[in-house]
Amino acid sequence: MAEEKYPINIWINEERYQKLQEAGLADMCEEMLAGLKVLRVYANEEQKDKILKVFPTAKFDASTTKSIELLPREVKDKIFDKIVEKRSVDILDEFLADY
């Protein structure tokens, strides 16, 4: 059975989109409602559990989207900055090493 992946949705505004374009990652965005863009970072089971433990406000939507929600804005900002720095969305192990 394939390993489950749980998305963290990072909403992309114009400023963030510009940074993604400069990093060559703009094509990783997905169009969502009304032209809003989202970048999905996927966590595995272990990463999901650590995120939920380290960030008490975070919730896991087990019923519908299977996504990790309600992360503090500064946490999503740090995840976004790490994506741009590493030019990859595969950054959660490195991000979580700081916690």
PDB file of N, CA and C in Angstrom:
ATOM      1  N   MET A   1       0.839  -1.196   0.000  1.00  0.00           N
ATOM      2  CA  MET A   1       0.000   0.000   0.000  1.00  0.00           C
ATOM      3  C   MET A   1       0.880   1.255   0.000  1.00  0.00           C
ATOM      4  N   ALA A   2       0.523   2.215  -0.795  1.00  0.00           N
ATOM      5  CA  ALA A   2       1.296   3.458  -0.871  1.00  0.00           C
ATOM      6  C   ALA A   2       1.184   4.229   0.439  1.00  0.00           C
ATOM      7  N   GLU A   3       2.258   4.918   0.766  1.00  0.00           N
ATOM      8  CA  GLU A   3       2.274   5.726   1.984  1.00  0.00           C
ATOM      9  C   GLU A   3       1.321   6.911   1.828  1.00  0.00           C
ATOM     10  N   GLU A   4       0.538   7.150   2.875  1.00  0.00           N
ATOM     11  CA  GLU A   4      -0.392   8.288   2.855  1.00  0.00           C
ATOM     12  C   GLU A   4       0.396   9.595   2.861  1.00  0.00           C
ATOM     13  N   LYS A   5      -0.126  10.578   2.149  1.00  0.00           N
ATOM     14  CA  LYS A   5       0.463  11.921   2.138  1.00  0.00           C
ATOM     15  C   LYS A   5      -0.621  12.907   2.547  1.00  0.00           C
ATOM     16  N   TYR A   6      -0.265  13.836   3.420  1.00  0.00           N
ATOM     17  CA  TYR A   6      -1.221  14.796   3.958  1.00  0.00           C
ATOM     18  C   TYR A   6      -0.784  16.209   3.577  1.00  0.00           C
ATOM     19  N   PRO A   7      -1.611  16.923   2.810  1.00  0.00           N
ATOM     20  CA  PRO A   7      -1.185  18.250   2.350  1.00  0.00           C
ATOM     21  C   PRO A   7      -1.299  19.341   3.418  1.00  0.00           C
ATOM     22  N   ILE A   8      -0.349  20.251   3.346  1.00  0.00           N
ATOM     23  CA  ILE A   8      -0.421  21.534   4.049  1.00  0.00           C
ATOM     24  C   ILE A   8      -0.573  22.547   2.917  1.00  0.00           C
ATOM     25  N   ASN A   9      -1.662  23.305   2.936  1.00  0.00           N
ATOM     26  CA  ASN A   9      -1.922  24.272   1.871  1.00  0.00           C
ATOM     27  C   ASN A   9      -1.306  25.617   2.222  1.00  0.00           C
ATOM     28  N   ILE A  10      -0.401  26.074   1.371  1.00  0.00           N
ATOM     29  CA  ILE A  10       0.221  27.391   1.527  1.00  0.00           C
ATOM     30  C   ILE A  10      -0.404  28.285   0.458  1.00  0.00           C
ATOM     31  N   TRP A  11      -1.188  29.270   0.893  1.00  0.00           N
ATOM     32  CA  TRP A  11      -1.839  30.170  -0.067  1.00  0.00           C
ATOM     33  C   TRP A  11      -0.811  31.140  -0.619  1.00  0.00           C
ATOM     34  N   ILE A  12      -0.903  31.384  -1.910  1.00  0.00           N
ATOM     35  CA  ILE A  12       0.102  32.174  -2.618  1.00  0.00           C
ATOM     36  C   ILE A  12      -0.501  33.501  -3.065  1.00  0.00           C
ATOM     37  N   ASN A  13       0.026  34.586  -2.489  1.00  0.00           N
ATOM     38  CA  ASN A  13      -0.379  35.920  -2.925  1.00  0.00           C
ATOM     39  C   ASN A  13       0.615  36.394  -4.006  1.00  0.00           C
ATOM     40  N   GLU A  14       0.435  37.601  -4.497  1.00  0.00           N
ATOM     41  CA  GLU A  14       1.298  38.094  -5.583  1.00  0.00           C
ATOM     42  C   GLU A  14       2.761  38.144  -5.159  1.00  0.00           C
ATOM     43  N   GLU A  15       3.009  38.593  -3.938  1.00  0.00           N
ATOM     44  CA  GLU A  15       4.385  38.698  -3.443  1.00  0.00           C
ATOM     45  C   GLU A  15       5.051  37.319  -3.379  1.00  0.00           C
ATOM     46  N   ARG A  16       4.330  36.350  -2.853  1.00  0.00           N
ATOM     47  CA  ARG A  16       4.869  34.983  -2.780  1.00  0.00           C
ATOM     48  C   ARG A  16       5.047  34.388  -4.178  1.00  0.00           C
ATOM     49  N   TYR A  17       4.082  34.685  -5.067  1.00  0.00           N
ATOM     50  CA  TYR A  17       4.171  34.160  -6.428  1.00  0.00           C
ATOM     51  C   TYR A  17       5.433  34.683  -7.112  1.00  0.00           C
ATOM     52  N   GLN A  18       5.725  35.938  -6.876  1.00  0.00           N
ATOM     53  CA  GLN A  18       6.943  36.552  -7.437  1.00  0.00           C
ATOM     54  C   GLN A  18       8.180  35.790  -6.945  1.00  0.00           C
ATOM     55  N   LYS A  19       8.225  35.479  -5.646  1.00  0.00           N
ATOM     56  CA  LYS A  19       9.363  34.733  -5.088  1.00  0.00           C
ATOM     57  C   LYS A  19       9.453  33.336  -5.697  1.00  0.00           C
ATOM     58  N   LEU A  20       8.298  32.707  -5.912  1.00  0.00           N
ATOM     59  CA  LEU A  20       8.292  31.380  -6.535  1.00  0.00           C
ATOM     60  C   LEU A  20       8.778  31.456  -7.982  1.00  0.00           C
ATOM     61  N   GLN A  21       8.381  32.504  -8.685  1.00  0.00           N
ATOM     62  CA  GLN A  21       8.841  32.678 -10.069  1.00  0.00           C
ATOM     63  C   GLN A  21      10.360  32.824 -10.092  1.00  0.00           C
ATOM     64  N   GLU A  22      10.900  33.627  -9.172  1.00  0.00           N
ATOM     65  CA  GLU A  22      12.346  33.847  -9.113  1.00  0.00           C
ATOM     66  C   GLU A  22      13.094  32.551  -8.784  1.00  0.00           C
ATOM     67  N   ALA A  23      12.454  31.680  -8.007  1.00  0.00           N
ATOM     68  CA  ALA A  23      13.072  30.409  -7.630  1.00  0.00           C
ATOM     69  C   ALA A  23      12.790  29.307  -8.658  1.00  0.00           C
ATOM     70  N   GLY A  24      12.007  29.637  -9.700  1.00  0.00           N
ATOM     71  CA  GLY A  24      11.681  28.645 -10.721  1.00  0.00           C
ATOM     72  C   GLY A  24      10.646  27.625 -10.273  1.00  0.00           C
ATOM     73  N   LEU A  25       9.822  27.987  -9.287  1.00  0.00           N
ATOM     74  CA  LEU A  25       8.842  27.051  -8.731  1.00  0.00           C
ATOM     75  C   LEU A  25       7.392  27.439  -8.998  1.00  0.00           C
ATOM     76  N   ALA A  26       7.160  28.490  -9.762  1.00  0.00           N
ATOM     77  CA  ALA A  26       5.797  28.988  -9.954  1.00  0.00           C
ATOM     78  C   ALA A  26       4.869  27.933 -10.547  1.00  0.00           C
ATOM     79  N   ASP A  27       5.416  27.013 -11.345  1.00  0.00           N
ATOM     80  CA  ASP A  27       4.568  25.990 -11.971  1.00  0.00           C
ATOM     81  C   ASP A  27       4.077  24.937 -10.979  1.00  0.00           C
ATOM     82  N   MET A  28       4.562  24.978  -9.742  1.00  0.00           N
ATOM     83  CA  MET A  28       4.110  24.028  -8.724  1.00  0.00           C
ATOM     84  C   MET A  28       2.810  24.479  -8.046  1.00  0.00           C
ATOM     85  N   CYS A  29       2.395  25.714  -8.307  1.00  0.00           N
ATOM     86  CA  CYS A  29       1.154  26.227  -7.727  1.00  0.00           C
ATOM     87  C   CYS A  29      -0.045  25.615  -8.441  1.00  0.00           C
ATOM     88  N   GLU A  30      -1.118  25.460  -7.689  1.00  0.00           N
ATOM     89  CA  GLU A  30      -2.380  24.994  -8.272  1.00  0.00           C
ATOM     90  C   GLU A  30      -3.390  26.122  -8.156  1.00  0.00           C
ATOM     91  N   GLU A  31      -4.191  26.294  -9.207  1.00  0.00           N
ATOM     92  CA  GLU A  31      -5.263  27.285  -9.174  1.00  0.00           C
ATOM     93  C   GLU A  31      -6.385  26.757  -8.293  1.00  0.00           C
ATOM     94  N   MET A  32      -6.880  27.589  -7.417  1.00  0.00           N
ATOM     95  CA  MET A  32      -8.005  27.197  -6.579  1.00  0.00           C
ATOM     96  C   MET A  32      -9.160  28.144  -6.860  1.00  0.00           C
ATOM     97  N   LEU A  33      -9.962  28.410  -5.866  1.00  0.00           N
ATOM     98  CA  LEU A  33     -11.148  29.246  -6.027  1.00  0.00           C
ATOM     99  C   LEU A  33     -10.821  30.663  -6.461  1.00  0.00           C
ATOM    100  N   ALA A  34     -11.589  31.144  -7.397  1.00  0.00           N
ATOM    101  CA  ALA A  34     -11.517  32.544  -7.855  1.00  0.00           C
ATOM    102  C   ALA A  34     -10.107  32.991  -8.214  1.00  0.00           C
ATOM    103  N   GLY A  35      -9.331  32.088  -8.798  1.00  0.00           N
ATOM    104  CA  GLY A  35      -7.999  32.460  -9.238  1.00  0.00           C
ATOM    105  C   GLY A  35      -6.938  32.460  -8.146  1.00  0.00           C
ATOM    106  N   LEU A  36      -7.315  32.146  -6.919  1.00  0.00           N
ATOM    107  CA  LEU A  36      -6.311  32.056  -5.861  1.00  0.00           C
ATOM    108  C   LEU A  36      -5.417  30.852  -6.125  1.00  0.00           C
ATOM    109  N   LYS A  37      -4.151  30.991  -5.747  1.00  0.00           N
ATOM    110  CA  LYS A  37      -3.212  29.901  -5.973  1.00  0.00           C
ATOM    111  C   LYS A  37      -2.814  29.279  -4.634  1.00  0.00           C
ATOM    112  N   VAL A  38      -2.513  27.999  -4.690  1.00  0.00           N
ATOM    113  CA  VAL A  38      -2.086  27.289  -3.494  1.00  0.00           C
ATOM    114  C   VAL A  38      -0.888  26.415  -3.855  1.00  0.00           C
ATOM    115  N   LEU A  39       0.016  26.299  -2.911  1.00  0.00           N
ATOM    116  CA  LEU A  39       1.161  25.408  -3.045  1.00  0.00           C
ATOM    117  C   LEU A  39       0.975  24.346  -1.971  1.00  0.00           C
ATOM    118  N   ARG A  40       1.024  23.093  -2.369  1.00  0.00           N
ATOM    119  CA  ARG A  40       0.805  22.013  -1.409  1.00  0.00           C
ATOM    120  C   ARG A  40       2.132  21.388  -1.017  1.00  0.00           C
ATOM    121  N   VAL A  41       2.333  21.295   0.298  1.00  0.00           N
ATOM    122  CA  VAL A  41       3.494  20.609   0.852  1.00  0.00           C
ATOM    123  C   VAL A  41       2.946  19.356   1.515  1.00  0.00           C
ATOM    124  N   TYR A  42       3.465  18.208   1.147  1.00  0.00           N
ATOM    125  CA  TYR A  42       2.907  16.958   1.663  1.00  0.00           C
ATOM    126  C   TYR A  42       3.734  16.409   2.819  1.00  0.00           C
ATOM    127  N   ALA A  43       3.013  16.023   3.873  1.00  0.00           N
ATOM    128  CA  ALA A  43       3.626  15.403   5.050  1.00  0.00           C
ATOM    129  C   ALA A  43       3.302  13.916   5.041  1.00  0.00           C
ATOM    130  N   ASN A  44       4.253  13.110   5.509  1.00  0.00           N
ATOM    131  CA  ASN A  44       3.940  11.698   5.699  1.00  0.00           C
ATOM    132  C   ASN A  44       3.347  11.530   7.100  1.00  0.00           C
ATOM    133  N   GLU A  45       3.000  10.319   7.461  1.00  0.00           N
ATOM    134  CA  GLU A  45       2.342  10.052   8.755  1.00  0.00           C
ATOM    135  C   GLU A  45       3.179  10.567   9.935  1.00  0.00           C
ATOM    136  N   GLU A  46       4.462  10.273   9.912  1.00  0.00           N
ATOM    137  CA  GLU A  46       5.356  10.679  11.008  1.00  0.00           C
ATOM    138  C   GLU A  46       5.454  12.205  11.107  1.00  0.00           C
ATOM    139  N   GLN A  47       5.620  12.864   9.959  1.00  0.00           N
ATOM    140  CA  GLN A  47       5.703  14.329   9.940  1.00  0.00           C
ATOM    141  C   GLN A  47       4.392  14.945  10.408  1.00  0.00           C
ATOM    142  N   LYS A  48       3.270  14.390   9.960  1.00  0.00           N
ATOM    143  CA  LYS A  48       1.950  14.891  10.375  1.00  0.00           C
ATOM    144  C   LYS A  48       1.819  14.823  11.898  1.00  0.00           C
ATOM    145  N   ASP A  49       2.181  13.681  12.470  1.00  0.00           N
ATOM    146  CA  ASP A  49       2.072  13.516  13.924  1.00  0.00           C
ATOM    147  C   ASP A  49       2.946  14.513  14.668  1.00  0.00           C
ATOM    148  N   LYS A  50       4.155  14.757  14.157  1.00  0.00           N
ATOM    149  CA  LYS A  50       5.054  15.714  14.825  1.00  0.00           C
ATOM    150  C   LYS A  50       4.494  17.134  14.719  1.00  0.00           C
ATOM    151  N   ILE A  51       3.972  17.491  13.554  1.00  0.00           N
ATOM    152  CA  ILE A  51       3.389  18.828  13.370  1.00  0.00           C
ATOM    153  C   ILE A  51       2.247  19.043  14.362  1.00  0.00           C
ATOM    154  N   LEU A  52       1.373  18.048  14.482  1.00  0.00           N
ATOM    155  CA  LEU A  52       0.225  18.180  15.385  1.00  0.00           C
ATOM    156  C   LEU A  52       0.670  18.254  16.848  1.00  0.00           C
ATOM    157  N   LYS A  53       1.778  17.634  17.174  1.00  0.00           N
ATOM    158  CA  LYS A  53       2.290  17.662  18.545  1.00  0.00           C
ATOM    159  C   LYS A  53       2.988  18.998  18.847  1.00  0.00           C
ATOM    160  N   VAL A  54       3.787  19.474  17.895  1.00  0.00           N
ATOM    161  CA  VAL A  54       4.595  20.693  18.098  1.00  0.00           C
ATOM    162  C   VAL A  54       3.747  21.959  18.031  1.00  0.00           C
ATOM    163  N   PHE A  55       2.724  21.954  17.177  1.00  0.00           N
ATOM    164  CA  PHE A  55       1.883  23.141  16.993  1.00  0.00           C
ATOM    165  C   PHE A  55       0.465  22.823  17.472  1.00  0.00           C
ATOM    166  N   PRO A  56       0.143  23.180  18.717  1.00  0.00           N
ATOM    167  CA  PRO A  56      -1.135  22.788  19.309  1.00  0.00           C
ATOM    168  C   PRO A  56      -2.372  23.336  18.588  1.00  0.00           C
ATOM    169  N   THR A  57      -2.227  24.417  17.834  1.00  0.00           N
ATOM    170  CA  THR A  57      -3.390  24.954  17.124  1.00  0.00           C
ATOM    171  C   THR A  57      -3.707  24.153  15.864  1.00  0.00           C
ATOM    172  N   ALA A  58      -2.734  23.399  15.371  1.00  0.00           N
ATOM    173  CA  ALA A  58      -2.919  22.652  14.125  1.00  0.00           C
ATOM    174  C   ALA A  58      -3.937  21.540  14.321  1.00  0.00           C
ATOM    175  N   LYS A  59      -4.696  21.302  13.277  1.00  0.00           N
ATOM    176  CA  LYS A  59      -5.708  20.255  13.286  1.00  0.00           C
ATOM    177  C   LYS A  59      -5.541  19.421  12.032  1.00  0.00           C
ATOM    178  N   PHE A  60      -5.944  18.162  12.123  1.00  0.00           N
ATOM    179  CA  PHE A  60      -5.926  17.278  10.968  1.00  0.00           C
ATOM    180  C   PHE A  60      -7.366  17.023  10.541  1.00  0.00           C
ATOM    181  N   ASP A  61      -7.677  17.353   9.295  1.00  0.00           N
ATOM    182  CA  ASP A  61      -9.029  17.154   8.775  1.00  0.00           C
ATOM    183  C   ASP A  61      -9.146  15.715   8.272  1.00  0.00           C
ATOM    184  N   ALA A  62      -9.501  14.810   9.158  1.00  0.00           N
ATOM    185  CA  ALA A  62      -9.563  13.389   8.818  1.00  0.00           C
ATOM    186  C   ALA A  62     -10.786  13.054   7.978  1.00  0.00           C
ATOM    187  N   SER A  63     -11.831  13.878   8.046  1.00  0.00           N
ATOM    188  CA  SER A  63     -13.090  13.504   7.396  1.00  0.00           C
ATOM    189  C   SER A  63     -13.157  13.861   5.909  1.00  0.00           C
ATOM    190  N   THR A  64     -12.598  14.993   5.496  1.00  0.00           N
ATOM    191  CA  THR A  64     -12.771  15.383   4.088  1.00  0.00           C
ATOM    192  C   THR A  64     -11.450  15.505   3.331  1.00  0.00           C
ATOM    193  N   THR A  65     -10.683  16.523   3.624  1.00  0.00           N
ATOM    194  CA  THR A  65      -9.513  16.825   2.788  1.00  0.00           C
ATOM    195  C   THR A  65      -8.261  16.049   3.171  1.00  0.00           C
ATOM    196  N   LYS A  66      -8.248  15.434   4.343  1.00  0.00           N
ATOM    197  CA  LYS A  66      -7.055  14.741   4.849  1.00  0.00           C
ATOM    198  C   LYS A  66      -5.853  15.690   4.879  1.00  0.00           C
ATOM    199  N   SER A  67      -6.135  16.955   5.182  1.00  0.00           N
ATOM    200  CA  SER A  67      -5.072  17.954   5.193  1.00  0.00           C
ATOM    201  C   SER A  67      -4.804  18.442   6.608  1.00  0.00           C
ATOM    202  N   ILE A  68      -3.642  19.057   6.759  1.00  0.00           N
ATOM    203  CA  ILE A  68      -3.239  19.647   8.031  1.00  0.00           C
ATOM    204  C   ILE A  68      -3.628  21.118   7.959  1.00  0.00           C
ATOM    205  N   GLU A  69      -4.475  21.536   8.899  1.00  0.00           N
ATOM    206  CA  GLU A  69      -5.055  22.887   8.869  1.00  0.00           C
ATOM    207  C   GLU A  69      -4.664  23.668  10.119  1.00  0.00           C
ATOM    208  N   LEU A  70      -4.926  24.974  10.073  1.00  0.00           N
ATOM    209  CA  LEU A  70      -4.813  25.883  11.220  1.00  0.00           C
ATOM    210  C   LEU A  70      -3.411  26.007  11.789  1.00  0.00           C
ATOM    211  N   LEU A  71      -2.417  25.866  10.937  1.00  0.00           N
ATOM    212  CA  LEU A  71      -1.059  26.165  11.390  1.00  0.00           C
ATOM    213  C   LEU A  71      -0.930  27.677  11.536  1.00  0.00           C
ATOM    214  N   PRO A  72      -0.205  28.147  12.535  1.00  0.00           N
ATOM    215  CA  PRO A  72      -0.019  29.596  12.678  1.00  0.00           C
ATOM    216  C   PRO A  72       0.626  30.196  11.422  1.00  0.00           C
ATOM    217  N   ARG A  73       0.268  31.418  11.139  1.00  0.00           N
ATOM    218  CA  ARG A  73       0.776  32.085   9.931  1.00  0.00           C
ATOM    219  C   ARG A  73       2.303  32.089   9.882  1.00  0.00           C
ATOM    220  N   GLU A  74       2.944  32.367  11.037  1.00  0.00           N
ATOM    221  CA  GLU A  74       4.408  32.427  11.022  1.00  0.00           C
ATOM    222  C   GLU A  74       5.033  31.074  10.686  1.00  0.00           C
ATOM    223  N   VAL A  75       4.340  29.994  11.032  1.00  0.00           N
ATOM    224  CA  VAL A  75       4.836  28.652  10.703  1.00  0.00           C
ATOM    225  C   VAL A  75       4.732  28.427   9.189  1.00  0.00           C
ATOM    226  N   LYS A  76       3.599  28.804   8.613  1.00  0.00           N
ATOM    227  CA  LYS A  76       3.450  28.669   7.160  1.00  0.00           C
ATOM    228  C   LYS A  76       4.444  29.575   6.430  1.00  0.00           C
ATOM    229  N   ASP A  77       4.715  30.759   6.992  1.00  0.00           N
ATOM    230  CA  ASP A  77       5.712  31.648   6.394  1.00  0.00           C
ATOM    231  C   ASP A  77       7.086  30.988   6.388  1.00  0.00           C
ATOM    232  N   LYS A  78       7.434  30.326   7.493  1.00  0.00           N
ATOM    233  CA  LYS A  78       8.741  29.644   7.576  1.00  0.00           C
ATOM    234  C   LYS A  78       8.808  28.483   6.589  1.00  0.00           C
ATOM    235  N   ILE A  79       7.708  27.744   6.458  1.00  0.00           N
ATOM    236  CA  ILE A  79       7.672  26.645   5.487  1.00  0.00           C
ATOM    237  C   ILE A  79       7.858  27.203   4.076  1.00  0.00           C
ATOM    238  N   PHE A  80       7.155  28.300   3.773  1.00  0.00           N
ATOM    239  CA  PHE A  80       7.271  28.915   2.451  1.00  0.00           C
ATOM    240  C   PHE A  80       8.707  29.369   2.196  1.00  0.00           C
ATOM    241  N   ASP A  81       9.315  30.036   3.179  1.00  0.00           N
ATOM    242  CA  ASP A  81      10.690  30.518   3.015  1.00  0.00           C
ATOM    243  C   ASP A  81      11.653  29.358   2.755  1.00  0.00           C
ATOM    244  N   LYS A  82      11.431  28.245   3.443  1.00  0.00           N
ATOM    245  CA  LYS A  82      12.283  27.064   3.265  1.00  0.00           C
ATOM    246  C   LYS A  82      12.105  26.484   1.854  1.00  0.00           C
ATOM    247  N   ILE A  83      10.871  26.500   1.332  1.00  0.00           N
ATOM    248  CA  ILE A  83      10.613  26.023  -0.033  1.00  0.00           C
ATOM    249  C   ILE A  83      11.412  26.851  -1.032  1.00  0.00           C
ATOM    250  N   VAL A  84      11.355  28.183  -0.869  1.00  0.00           N
ATOM    251  CA  VAL A  84      12.070  29.074  -1.787  1.00  0.00           C
ATOM    252  C   VAL A  84      13.578  28.865  -1.656  1.00  0.00           C
ATOM    253  N   GLU A  85      14.050  28.760  -0.420  1.00  0.00           N
ATOM    254  CA  GLU A  85      15.484  28.581  -0.169  1.00  0.00           C
ATOM    255  C   GLU A  85      16.000  27.284  -0.809  1.00  0.00           C
ATOM    256  N   LYS A  86      15.249  26.199  -0.644  1.00  0.00           N
ATOM    257  CA  LYS A  86      15.683  24.883  -1.136  1.00  0.00           C
ATOM    258  C   LYS A  86      15.210  24.591  -2.564  1.00  0.00           C
ATOM    259  N   ARG A  87      14.327  25.470  -3.080  1.00  0.00           N
ATOM    260  CA  ARG A  87      13.761  25.281  -4.424  1.00  0.00           C
ATOM    261  C   ARG A  87      13.096  23.909  -4.560  1.00  0.00           C
ATOM    262  N   SER A  88      12.365  23.544  -3.500  1.00  0.00           N
ATOM    263  CA  SER A  88      11.694  22.237  -3.462  1.00  0.00           C
ATOM    264  C   SER A  88      10.574  22.298  -2.430  1.00  0.00           C
ATOM    265  N   VAL A  89       9.521  21.473  -2.627  1.00  0.00           N
ATOM    266  CA  VAL A  89       8.484  21.367  -1.604  1.00  0.00           C
ATOM    267  C   VAL A  89       8.776  20.220  -0.639  1.00  0.00           C
ATOM    268  N   ASP A  90       9.854  19.487  -0.883  1.00  0.00           N
ATOM    269  CA  ASP A  90      10.218  18.360  -0.034  1.00  0.00           C
ATOM    270  C   ASP A  90      11.160  18.853   1.072  1.00  0.00           C
ATOM    271  N   ILE A  91      10.590  19.625   2.008  1.00  0.00           N
ATOM    272  CA  ILE A  91      11.418  20.309   3.007  1.00  0.00           C
ATOM    273  C   ILE A  91      10.991  20.027   4.444  1.00  0.00           C
ATOM    274  N   LEU A  92       9.969  19.215   4.655  1.00  0.00           N
ATOM    275  CA  LEU A  92       9.413  19.079   6.002  1.00  0.00           C
ATOM    276  C   LEU A  92      10.372  18.447   7.000  1.00  0.00           C
ATOM    277  N   ASP A  93      11.154  17.455   6.579  1.00  0.00           N
ATOM    278  CA  ASP A  93      12.117  16.857   7.517  1.00  0.00           C
ATOM    279  C   ASP A  93      13.074  17.926   8.037  1.00  0.00           C
ATOM    280  N   GLU A  94      13.596  18.715   7.119  1.00  0.00           N
ATOM    281  CA  GLU A  94      14.543  19.773   7.488  1.00  0.00           C
ATOM    282  C   GLU A  94      13.851  20.840   8.332  1.00  0.00           C
ATOM    283  N   PHE A  95      12.621  21.225   7.936  1.00  0.00           N
ATOM    284  CA  PHE A  95      11.864  22.215   8.707  1.00  0.00           C
ATOM    285  C   PHE A  95      11.611  21.728  10.130  1.00  0.00           C
ATOM    286  N   LEU A  96      11.173  20.482  10.267  1.00  0.00           N
ATOM    287  CA  LEU A  96      10.822  19.942  11.585  1.00  0.00           C
ATOM    288  C   LEU A  96      12.050  19.675  12.455  1.00  0.00           C
ATOM    289  N   ALA A  97      13.215  19.606  11.858  1.00  0.00           N
ATOM    290  CA  ALA A  97      14.445  19.393  12.640  1.00  0.00           C
ATOM    291  C   ALA A  97      14.690  20.546  13.610  1.00  0.00           C
ATOM    292  N   ASP A  98      14.116  21.720  13.307  1.00  0.00           N
ATOM    293  CA  ASP A  98      14.282  22.885  14.168  1.00  0.00           C
ATOM    294  C   ASP A  98      13.352  22.846  15.398  1.00  0.00           C
ATOM    295  N   TYR A  99      12.491  21.822  15.475  1.00  0.00           N
ATOM    296  CA  TYR A  99      11.513  21.762  16.562  1.00  0.00           C
ATOM    297  C   TYR A  99      11.683  20.511  17.397  1.00  0.00           C
TER     298      TYR A  99
END
